């Protein structure tokens, strides 16, 4: 009398378990299929038509960078960090500004005139930088250079850019981009000589002591407005009130006011004393 219900219950439990396992399998397969369709392609993927550019970039790397960064971009102890995953933005900023190849080991790599083969102002140098950037990008991905350059990277709202710059950058670079000292022999460089693409790629890659600002932290249009502000205050045409006094703010202005004010007060006192 009790055998049949027990068998029926056991079979029902087995069927439910099998149905649950099948449902879970179908759900996992569906999720995997959706992910493969909707997920963005990884940045390490290199288009077939760019393979030649990557090969040329490896040659440039072997000529100028391998001794410090290693044959596989893994870095060399006490010489240079790993370049795996730094992206084309870091490669462009460091090489186009002459900071790399490094002249000597110091607390900070200083801006200098780039090598002739890596001078972005010449067709050959620009091509070599493009190739090197593609090679670095092909090894681990990372932040990519913007598709635009020059004036196209200046946003339409330098006033908003000024607010963003004072919030995120002025504590190190000074509110007019004149730079400033940091600890341990490091410094925030002046921005006058940096072009638009160098400023943009610096924000993306965060060289040395500088934090990096992803597109989630600063949207591309916000970066462009910051560039518009920086260029507006570093192009030498932003002193409508007269001499900029080095553009270092209230320190120089206060000093001039103090010296002029004290001199005027002393002169007035002497004049009154002479009359008396």
C-alpha atoms as a PDB file:
ATOM      1  CA  UNK A   1       0.000   0.000   0.000  1.00  0.00           C
ATOM      2  CA  UNK A   2       2.865   2.486   0.728  1.00  0.00           C
ATOM      3  CA  UNK A   3       5.334   1.358  -1.962  1.00  0.00           C
ATOM      4  CA  UNK A   4       3.629   3.038  -4.928  1.00  0.00           C
ATOM      5  CA  UNK A   5       3.368   6.568  -3.396  1.00  0.00           C
ATOM      6  CA  UNK A   6       7.024   6.416  -2.312  1.00  0.00           C
ATOM      7  CA  UNK A   7       8.151   5.407  -5.804  1.00  0.00           C
ATOM      8  CA  UNK A   8       5.977   8.142  -7.280  1.00  0.00           C
ATOM      9  CA  UNK A   9       7.514  10.745  -4.918  1.00  0.00           C
ATOM     10  CA  UNK A  10      11.057   9.632  -5.711  1.00  0.00           C
ATOM     11  CA  UNK A  11      10.386   9.786  -9.461  1.00  0.00           C
ATOM     12  CA  UNK A  12       8.876  13.262  -9.081  1.00  0.00           C
ATOM     13  CA  UNK A  13      11.948  14.515  -7.221  1.00  0.00           C
ATOM     14  CA  UNK A  14      14.230  13.006  -9.860  1.00  0.00           C
ATOM     15  CA  UNK A  15      12.242  14.658 -12.648  1.00  0.00           C
ATOM     16  CA  UNK A  16      12.372  18.023 -10.878  1.00  0.00           C
ATOM     17  CA  UNK A  17      16.131  17.740 -10.436  1.00  0.00           C
ATOM     18  CA  UNK A  18      16.638  16.830 -14.086  1.00  0.00           C
ATOM     19  CA  UNK A  19      14.340  19.664 -15.192  1.00  0.00           C
ATOM     20  CA  UNK A  20      16.202  22.132 -12.955  1.00  0.00           C
ATOM     21  CA  UNK A  21      19.567  21.039 -14.297  1.00  0.00           C
ATOM     22  CA  UNK A  22      18.334  21.350 -17.874  1.00  0.00           C
ATOM     23  CA  UNK A  23      16.878  24.815 -17.155  1.00  0.00           C
ATOM     24  CA  UNK A  24      20.166  25.923 -15.580  1.00  0.00           C
ATOM     25  CA  UNK A  25      22.126  24.622 -18.567  1.00  0.00           C
ATOM     26  CA  UNK A  26      19.849  26.406 -21.029  1.00  0.00           C
ATOM     27  CA  UNK A  27      20.161  29.645 -19.008  1.00  0.00           C
ATOM     28  CA  UNK A  28      23.976  29.443 -18.943  1.00  0.00           C
ATOM     29  CA  UNK A  29      24.151  28.701 -22.662  1.00  0.00           C
ATOM     30  CA  UNK A  30      21.809  31.620 -23.396  1.00  0.00           C
ATOM     31  CA  UNK A  31      23.840  33.988 -21.214  1.00  0.00           C
ATOM     32  CA  UNK A  32      27.055  32.906 -22.931  1.00  0.00           C
ATOM     33  CA  UNK A  33      25.540  33.405 -26.362  1.00  0.00           C
ATOM     34  CA  UNK A  34      24.253  36.866 -25.458  1.00  0.00           C
ATOM     35  CA  UNK A  35      27.616  37.864 -23.999  1.00  0.00           C
ATOM     36  CA  UNK A  36      29.498  36.737 -27.101  1.00  0.00           C
ATOM     37  CA  UNK A  37      27.147  38.803 -29.268  1.00  0.00           C
ATOM     38  CA  UNK A  38      26.847  41.960 -27.159  1.00  0.00           C
ATOM     39  CA  UNK A  39      30.221  42.204 -25.381  1.00  0.00           C
ATOM     40  CA  UNK A  40      32.682  44.746 -26.873  1.00  0.00           C
ATOM     41  CA  UNK A  41      35.779  43.411 -28.552  1.00  0.00           C
ATOM     42  CA  UNK A  42      38.841  43.458 -26.268  1.00  0.00           C
ATOM     43  CA  UNK A  43      41.384  46.171 -26.905  1.00  0.00           C
ATOM     44  CA  UNK A  44      44.077  43.573 -27.466  1.00  0.00           C
ATOM     45  CA  UNK A  45      42.483  42.557 -30.727  1.00  0.00           C
ATOM     46  CA  UNK A  46      44.443  43.884 -33.668  1.00  0.00           C
ATOM     47  CA  UNK A  47      42.920  44.241 -37.084  1.00  0.00           C
ATOM     48  CA  UNK A  48      44.566  42.242 -39.818  1.00  0.00           C
ATOM     49  CA  UNK A  49      45.256  45.345 -41.886  1.00  0.00           C
ATOM     50  CA  UNK A  50      47.259  46.869 -39.003  1.00  0.00           C
ATOM     51  CA  UNK A  51      49.611  43.911 -38.605  1.00  0.00           C
ATOM     52  CA  UNK A  52      52.233  45.582 -40.801  1.00  0.00           C
ATOM     53  CA  UNK A  53      52.087  48.765 -38.700  1.00  0.00           C
ATOM     54  CA  UNK A  54      52.502  46.682 -35.536  1.00  0.00           C
ATOM     55  CA  UNK A  55      55.524  44.928 -37.048  1.00  0.00           C
ATOM     56  CA  UNK A  56      57.069  48.303 -37.879  1.00  0.00           C
ATOM     57  CA  UNK A  57      56.333  49.444 -34.330  1.00  0.00           C
ATOM     58  CA  UNK A  58      58.161  46.428 -32.941  1.00  0.00           C
ATOM     59  CA  UNK A  59      61.209  47.422 -34.990  1.00  0.00           C
ATOM     60  CA  UNK A  60      61.056  50.951 -33.557  1.00  0.00           C
ATOM     61  CA  UNK A  61      60.693  49.453 -30.076  1.00  0.00           C
ATOM     62  CA  UNK A  62      63.689  47.171 -30.599  1.00  0.00           C
ATOM     63  CA  UNK A  63      65.782  50.136 -31.749  1.00  0.00           C
ATOM     64  CA  UNK A  64      64.976  52.557 -28.938  1.00  0.00           C
ATOM     65  CA  UNK A  65      63.092  50.938 -26.034  1.00  0.00           C
ATOM     66  CA  UNK A  66      64.055  47.289 -25.566  1.00  0.00           C
ATOM     67  CA  UNK A  67      67.052  47.907 -23.272  1.00  0.00           C
ATOM     68  CA  UNK A  68      64.851  49.450 -20.567  1.00  0.00           C
ATOM     69  CA  UNK A  69      61.479  47.801 -21.148  1.00  0.00           C
ATOM     70  CA  UNK A  70      62.487  44.278 -22.129  1.00  0.00           C
ATOM     71  CA  UNK A  71      61.986  42.192 -25.235  1.00  0.00           C
ATOM     72  CA  UNK A  72      58.404  41.352 -24.238  1.00  0.00           C
ATOM     73  CA  UNK A  73      57.534  44.764 -22.764  1.00  0.00           C
ATOM     74  CA  UNK A  74      57.733  43.185 -19.316  1.00  0.00           C
ATOM     75  CA  UNK A  75      60.048  45.895 -17.974  1.00  0.00           C
ATOM     76  CA  UNK A  76      63.592  45.714 -16.651  1.00  0.00           C
ATOM     77  CA  UNK A  77      64.385  46.046 -12.944  1.00  0.00           C
ATOM     78  CA  UNK A  78      65.819  49.479 -12.012  1.00  0.00           C
ATOM     79  CA  UNK A  79      65.547  50.618 -15.636  1.00  0.00           C
ATOM     80  CA  UNK A  80      61.994  50.791 -16.895  1.00  0.00           C
ATOM     81  CA  UNK A  81      58.466  49.628 -16.003  1.00  0.00           C
ATOM     82  CA  UNK A  82      56.344  47.121 -17.864  1.00  0.00           C
ATOM     83  CA  UNK A  83      54.492  48.522 -20.867  1.00  0.00           C
ATOM     84  CA  UNK A  84      51.940  45.719 -21.042  1.00  0.00           C
ATOM     85  CA  UNK A  85      48.511  47.327 -20.900  1.00  0.00           C
ATOM     86  CA  UNK A  86      49.622  50.982 -20.828  1.00  0.00           C
ATOM     87  CA  UNK A  87      48.053  51.575 -24.244  1.00  0.00           C
ATOM     88  CA  UNK A  88      48.839  53.794 -27.186  1.00  0.00           C
ATOM     89  CA  UNK A  89      47.973  56.941 -25.192  1.00  0.00           C
ATOM     90  CA  UNK A  90      50.956  56.470 -22.880  1.00  0.00           C
ATOM     91  CA  UNK A  91      53.272  55.614 -25.777  1.00  0.00           C
ATOM     92  CA  UNK A  92      52.297  58.745 -27.695  1.00  0.00           C
ATOM     93  CA  UNK A  93      52.613  61.074 -24.700  1.00  0.00           C
ATOM     94  CA  UNK A  94      56.005  59.823 -23.545  1.00  0.00           C
ATOM     95  CA  UNK A  95      57.635  59.626 -26.977  1.00  0.00           C
ATOM     96  CA  UNK A  96      56.172  62.720 -28.660  1.00  0.00           C
ATOM     97  CA  UNK A  97      57.141  64.912 -25.695  1.00  0.00           C
ATOM     98  CA  UNK A  98      60.721  63.622 -25.739  1.00  0.00           C
ATOM     99  CA  UNK A  99      60.488  62.116 -22.264  1.00  0.00           C
ATOM    100  CA  UNK A 100      61.270  58.742 -23.765  1.00  0.00           C
ATOM    101  CA  UNK A 101      63.766  57.379 -24.554  1.00  0.00           C
ATOM    102  CA  UNK A 102      65.017  58.470 -21.143  1.00  0.00           C
ATOM    103  CA  UNK A 103      68.311  60.368 -21.207  1.00  0.00           C
ATOM    104  CA  UNK A 104      69.309  59.345 -17.670  1.00  0.00           C
ATOM    105  CA  UNK A 105      67.748  57.936 -14.521  1.00  0.00           C
ATOM    106  CA  UNK A 106      66.263  60.792 -12.495  1.00  0.00           C
ATOM    107  CA  UNK A 107      63.366  61.345 -10.124  1.00  0.00           C
ATOM    108  CA  UNK A 108      61.253  62.387 -13.093  1.00  0.00           C
ATOM    109  CA  UNK A 109      61.524  62.261 -16.869  1.00  0.00           C
ATOM    110  CA  UNK A 110      61.749  65.809 -18.174  1.00  0.00           C
ATOM    111  CA  UNK A 111      60.404  67.106 -21.439  1.00  0.00           C
ATOM    112  CA  UNK A 112      63.049  67.483 -24.148  1.00  0.00           C
ATOM    113  CA  UNK A 113      63.234  67.648 -27.910  1.00  0.00           C
ATOM    114  CA  UNK A 114      62.366  64.188 -29.260  1.00  0.00           C
ATOM    115  CA  UNK A 115      64.717  62.073 -31.312  1.00  0.00           C
ATOM    116  CA  UNK A 116      64.707  62.851 -35.024  1.00  0.00           C
ATOM    117  CA  UNK A 117      63.190  59.422 -35.774  1.00  0.00           C
ATOM    118  CA  UNK A 118      60.404  60.094 -33.249  1.00  0.00           C
ATOM    119  CA  UNK A 119      59.675  63.752 -33.943  1.00  0.00           C
ATOM    120  CA  UNK A 120      55.918  64.058 -34.494  1.00  0.00           C
ATOM    121  CA  UNK A 121      56.422  67.252 -36.523  1.00  0.00           C
ATOM    122  CA  UNK A 122      57.996  65.267 -39.369  1.00  0.00           C
ATOM    123  CA  UNK A 123      56.213  62.664 -41.557  1.00  0.00           C
ATOM    124  CA  UNK A 124      58.765  59.961 -40.714  1.00  0.00           C
ATOM    125  CA  UNK A 125      58.624  60.675 -36.997  1.00  0.00           C
ATOM    126  CA  UNK A 126      54.824  60.788 -36.953  1.00  0.00           C
ATOM    127  CA  UNK A 127      54.681  57.432 -38.740  1.00  0.00           C
ATOM    128  CA  UNK A 128      57.178  55.871 -36.322  1.00  0.00           C
ATOM    129  CA  UNK A 129      55.141  57.099 -33.353  1.00  0.00           C
ATOM    130  CA  UNK A 130      51.966  55.694 -34.898  1.00  0.00           C
ATOM    131  CA  UNK A 131      53.689  52.348 -35.421  1.00  0.00           C
ATOM    132  CA  UNK A 132      55.145  52.265 -31.898  1.00  0.00           C
ATOM    133  CA  UNK A 133      51.756  53.193 -30.425  1.00  0.00           C
ATOM    134  CA  UNK A 134      50.092  50.386 -32.383  1.00  0.00           C
ATOM    135  CA  UNK A 135      52.703  47.893 -31.158  1.00  0.00           C
ATOM    136  CA  UNK A 136      52.233  48.877 -27.514  1.00  0.00           C
ATOM    137  CA  UNK A 137      48.442  48.817 -27.926  1.00  0.00           C
ATOM    138  CA  UNK A 138      48.659  45.315 -29.383  1.00  0.00           C
ATOM    139  CA  UNK A 139      50.336  44.059 -26.204  1.00  0.00           C
ATOM    140  CA  UNK A 140      47.746  44.173 -23.461  1.00  0.00           C
ATOM    141  CA  UNK A 141      45.498  46.969 -24.677  1.00  0.00           C
ATOM    142  CA  UNK A 142      44.987  50.032 -22.498  1.00  0.00           C
ATOM    143  CA  UNK A 143      43.876  53.654 -23.031  1.00  0.00           C
ATOM    144  CA  UNK A 144      43.941  54.551 -26.713  1.00  0.00           C
ATOM    145  CA  UNK A 145      44.963  57.788 -28.400  1.00  0.00           C
ATOM    146  CA  UNK A 146      42.067  59.983 -29.511  1.00  0.00           C
ATOM    147  CA  UNK A 147      41.095  59.766 -33.148  1.00  0.00           C
ATOM    148  CA  UNK A 148      41.268  63.581 -33.413  1.00  0.00           C
ATOM    149  CA  UNK A 149      44.175  65.956 -32.921  1.00  0.00           C
ATOM    150  CA  UNK A 150      45.001  69.666 -32.853  1.00  0.00           C
ATOM    151  CA  UNK A 151      42.162  72.169 -32.700  1.00  0.00           C
ATOM    152  CA  UNK A 152      39.611  69.357 -32.953  1.00  0.00           C
ATOM    153  CA  UNK A 153      40.514  68.445 -29.351  1.00  0.00           C
ATOM    154  CA  UNK A 154      39.607  71.909 -28.030  1.00  0.00           C
ATOM    155  CA  UNK A 155      36.121  71.962 -26.565  1.00  0.00           C
ATOM    156  CA  UNK A 156      33.578  74.735 -27.043  1.00  0.00           C
ATOM    157  CA  UNK A 157      33.334  75.691 -23.352  1.00  0.00           C
ATOM    158  CA  UNK A 158      36.656  76.823 -21.818  1.00  0.00           C
ATOM    159  CA  UNK A 159      34.766  78.307 -18.855  1.00  0.00           C
ATOM    160  CA  UNK A 160      33.548  74.849 -17.837  1.00  0.00           C
ATOM    161  CA  UNK A 161      37.028  73.560 -18.622  1.00  0.00           C
ATOM    162  CA  UNK A 162      38.444  76.094 -16.176  1.00  0.00           C
ATOM    163  CA  UNK A 163      36.151  74.844 -13.415  1.00  0.00           C
ATOM    164  CA  UNK A 164      37.158  71.241 -14.102  1.00  0.00           C
ATOM    165  CA  UNK A 165      40.846  72.189 -14.274  1.00  0.00           C
ATOM    166  CA  UNK A 166      40.744  74.020 -10.937  1.00  0.00           C
ATOM    167  CA  UNK A 167      38.946  71.051  -9.386  1.00  0.00           C
ATOM    168  CA  UNK A 168      41.201  68.284 -10.737  1.00  0.00           C
ATOM    169  CA  UNK A 169      44.509  69.788 -11.891  1.00  0.00           C
ATOM    170  CA  UNK A 170      45.299  73.185 -10.359  1.00  0.00           C
ATOM    171  CA  UNK A 171      46.600  71.777  -7.067  1.00  0.00           C
ATOM    172  CA  UNK A 172      49.681  70.512  -8.951  1.00  0.00           C
ATOM    173  CA  UNK A 173      49.851  72.450 -12.217  1.00  0.00           C
ATOM    174  CA  UNK A 174      48.878  75.887 -10.832  1.00  0.00           C
ATOM    175  CA  UNK A 175      45.582  77.430 -11.882  1.00  0.00           C
ATOM    176  CA  UNK A 176      47.157  78.806 -15.065  1.00  0.00           C
ATOM    177  CA  UNK A 177      49.110  75.667 -15.968  1.00  0.00           C
ATOM    178  CA  UNK A 178      52.522  76.984 -14.925  1.00  0.00           C
ATOM    179  CA  UNK A 179      53.421  73.815 -13.015  1.00  0.00           C
ATOM    180  CA  UNK A 180      54.707  73.394  -9.474  1.00  0.00           C
ATOM    181  CA  UNK A 181      57.004  71.412  -7.207  1.00  0.00           C
ATOM    182  CA  UNK A 182      56.059  68.032  -5.744  1.00  0.00           C
ATOM    183  CA  UNK A 183      57.814  65.786  -3.223  1.00  0.00           C
ATOM    184  CA  UNK A 184      60.927  63.648  -3.716  1.00  0.00           C
ATOM    185  CA  UNK A 185      62.374  65.812  -6.485  1.00  0.00           C
ATOM    186  CA  UNK A 186      59.327  65.471  -8.719  1.00  0.00           C
ATOM    187  CA  UNK A 187      57.283  68.292 -10.192  1.00  0.00           C
ATOM    188  CA  UNK A 188      54.159  69.026 -12.190  1.00  0.00           C
ATOM    189  CA  UNK A 189      55.451  70.363 -15.515  1.00  0.00           C
ATOM    190  CA  UNK A 190      54.234  73.586 -17.106  1.00  0.00           C
ATOM    191  CA  UNK A 191      51.671  73.018 -19.829  1.00  0.00           C
ATOM    192  CA  UNK A 192      52.646  75.811 -22.212  1.00  0.00           C
ATOM    193  CA  UNK A 193      54.628  73.557 -24.575  1.00  0.00           C
ATOM    194  CA  UNK A 194      52.207  70.624 -24.526  1.00  0.00           C
ATOM    195  CA  UNK A 195      49.970  70.265 -27.566  1.00  0.00           C
ATOM    196  CA  UNK A 196      46.330  69.216 -27.458  1.00  0.00           C
ATOM    197  CA  UNK A 197      46.935  65.512 -28.031  1.00  0.00           C
ATOM    198  CA  UNK A 198      49.667  65.392 -25.396  1.00  0.00           C
ATOM    199  CA  UNK A 199      47.349  66.951 -22.805  1.00  0.00           C
ATOM    200  CA  UNK A 200      44.556  64.538 -23.740  1.00  0.00           C
ATOM    201  CA  UNK A 201      46.788  61.443 -23.623  1.00  0.00           C
ATOM    202  CA  UNK A 202      48.314  62.591 -20.324  1.00  0.00           C
ATOM    203  CA  UNK A 203      44.852  62.701 -18.788  1.00  0.00           C
ATOM    204  CA  UNK A 204      44.166  59.204 -20.111  1.00  0.00           C
ATOM    205  CA  UNK A 205      47.459  57.583 -19.135  1.00  0.00           C
ATOM    206  CA  UNK A 206      48.427  59.437 -15.939  1.00  0.00           C
ATOM    207  CA  UNK A 207      52.204  59.689 -16.398  1.00  0.00           C
ATOM    208  CA  UNK A 208      54.403  59.371 -13.291  1.00  0.00           C
ATOM    209  CA  UNK A 209      52.778  61.157 -10.303  1.00  0.00           C
ATOM    210  CA  UNK A 210      49.725  62.295 -12.257  1.00  0.00           C
ATOM    211  CA  UNK A 211      46.479  60.363 -11.718  1.00  0.00           C
ATOM    212  CA  UNK A 212      44.786  59.010 -14.822  1.00  0.00           C
ATOM    213  CA  UNK A 213      41.292  60.145 -15.716  1.00  0.00           C
ATOM    214  CA  UNK A 214      39.251  57.532 -17.532  1.00  0.00           C
ATOM    215  CA  UNK A 215      36.217  58.498 -19.578  1.00  0.00           C
ATOM    216  CA  UNK A 216      34.087  57.599 -16.551  1.00  0.00           C
ATOM    217  CA  UNK A 217      35.887  60.163 -14.409  1.00  0.00           C
ATOM    218  CA  UNK A 218      36.127  62.864 -17.065  1.00  0.00           C
ATOM    219  CA  UNK A 219      34.016  62.427 -20.169  1.00  0.00           C
ATOM    220  CA  UNK A 220      35.717  63.103 -23.533  1.00  0.00           C
ATOM    221  CA  UNK A 221      33.877  66.421 -23.958  1.00  0.00           C
ATOM    222  CA  UNK A 222      35.016  67.473 -20.474  1.00  0.00           C
ATOM    223  CA  UNK A 223      38.618  66.648 -21.359  1.00  0.00           C
ATOM    224  CA  UNK A 224      38.270  68.780 -24.486  1.00  0.00           C
ATOM    225  CA  UNK A 225      36.909  71.709 -22.479  1.00  0.00           C
ATOM    226  CA  UNK A 226      39.881  71.407 -20.108  1.00  0.00           C
ATOM    227  CA  UNK A 227      42.223  71.521 -23.102  1.00  0.00           C
ATOM    228  CA  UNK A 228      40.421  74.617 -24.406  1.00  0.00           C
ATOM    229  CA  UNK A 229      40.933  76.318 -21.037  1.00  0.00           C
ATOM    230  CA  UNK A 230      44.600  75.309 -20.774  1.00  0.00           C
ATOM    231  CA  UNK A 231      45.404  76.601 -24.245  1.00  0.00           C
ATOM    232  CA  UNK A 232      43.527  79.835 -23.523  1.00  0.00           C
ATOM    233  CA  UNK A 233      45.734  80.598 -20.508  1.00  0.00           C
ATOM    234  CA  UNK A 234      49.047  79.347 -21.886  1.00  0.00           C
ATOM    235  CA  UNK A 235      49.061  80.910 -25.346  1.00  0.00           C
ATOM    236  CA  UNK A 236      50.440  84.236 -24.046  1.00  0.00           C
ATOM    237  CA  UNK A 237      47.352  86.236 -24.964  1.00  0.00           C
ATOM    238  CA  UNK A 238      45.396  86.084 -21.739  1.00  0.00           C
ATOM    239  CA  UNK A 239      46.656  89.175 -19.886  1.00  0.00           C
ATOM    240  CA  UNK A 240      44.038  91.853 -20.625  1.00  0.00           C
ATOM    241  CA  UNK A 241      44.898  93.685 -17.386  1.00  0.00           C
ATOM    242  CA  UNK A 242      48.567  94.141 -18.198  1.00  0.00           C
ATOM    243  CA  UNK A 243      51.695  92.194 -17.301  1.00  0.00           C
ATOM    244  CA  UNK A 244      50.880  88.724 -16.025  1.00  0.00           C
ATOM    245  CA  UNK A 245      53.764  88.791 -13.491  1.00  0.00           C
ATOM    246  CA  UNK A 246      54.678  85.202 -14.264  1.00  0.00           C
ATOM    247  CA  UNK A 247      51.070  83.970 -14.006  1.00  0.00           C
ATOM    248  CA  UNK A 248      51.711  82.613 -10.522  1.00  0.00           C
ATOM    249  CA  UNK A 249      48.739  84.327  -8.963  1.00  0.00           C
ATOM    250  CA  UNK A 250      48.386  86.367  -5.783  1.00  0.00           C
ATOM    251  CA  UNK A 251      51.969  85.826  -4.593  1.00  0.00           C
ATOM    252  CA  UNK A 252      53.573  88.070  -7.200  1.00  0.00           C
ATOM    253  CA  UNK A 253      50.606  90.418  -7.285  1.00  0.00           C
ATOM    254  CA  UNK A 254      50.633  90.757  -3.496  1.00  0.00           C
ATOM    255  CA  UNK A 255      54.381  91.385  -3.496  1.00  0.00           C
ATOM    256  CA  UNK A 256      54.010  94.211  -6.033  1.00  0.00           C
ATOM    257  CA  UNK A 257      51.115  95.703  -4.072  1.00  0.00           C
ATOM    258  CA  UNK A 258      53.098  95.475  -0.823  1.00  0.00           C
ATOM    259  CA  UNK A 259      56.260  97.059  -2.238  1.00  0.00           C
ATOM    260  CA  UNK A 260      54.348  99.783  -4.064  1.00  0.00           C
ATOM    261  CA  UNK A 261      52.101 100.422  -1.073  1.00  0.00           C
ATOM    262  CA  UNK A 262      54.929 100.604   1.470  1.00  0.00           C
ATOM    263  CA  UNK A 263      56.941 102.860  -0.836  1.00  0.00           C
ATOM    264  CA  UNK A 264      53.975 105.179  -1.242  1.00  0.00           C
ATOM    265  CA  UNK A 265      53.343 105.274   2.525  1.00  0.00           C
ATOM    266  CA  UNK A 266      57.019 106.006   3.291  1.00  0.00           C
ATOM    267  CA  UNK A 267      57.116 108.711   0.634  1.00  0.00           C
ATOM    268  CA  UNK A 268      53.933 110.310   2.010  1.00  0.00           C
ATOM    269  CA  UNK A 269      55.334 110.220   5.552  1.00  0.00           C
ATOM    270  CA  UNK A 270      58.570 111.871   4.450  1.00  0.00           C
ATOM    271  CA  UNK A 271      56.675 114.514   2.526  1.00  0.00           C
ATOM    272  CA  UNK A 272      54.452 115.327   5.521  1.00  0.00           C
ATOM    273  CA  UNK A 273      57.486 115.413   7.823  1.00  0.00           C
ATOM    274  CA  UNK A 274      59.327 117.789   5.509  1.00  0.00           C
ATOM    275  CA  UNK A 275      56.351 120.156   5.423  1.00  0.00           C
ATOM    276  CA  UNK A 276      56.060 120.116   9.203  1.00  0.00           C
END
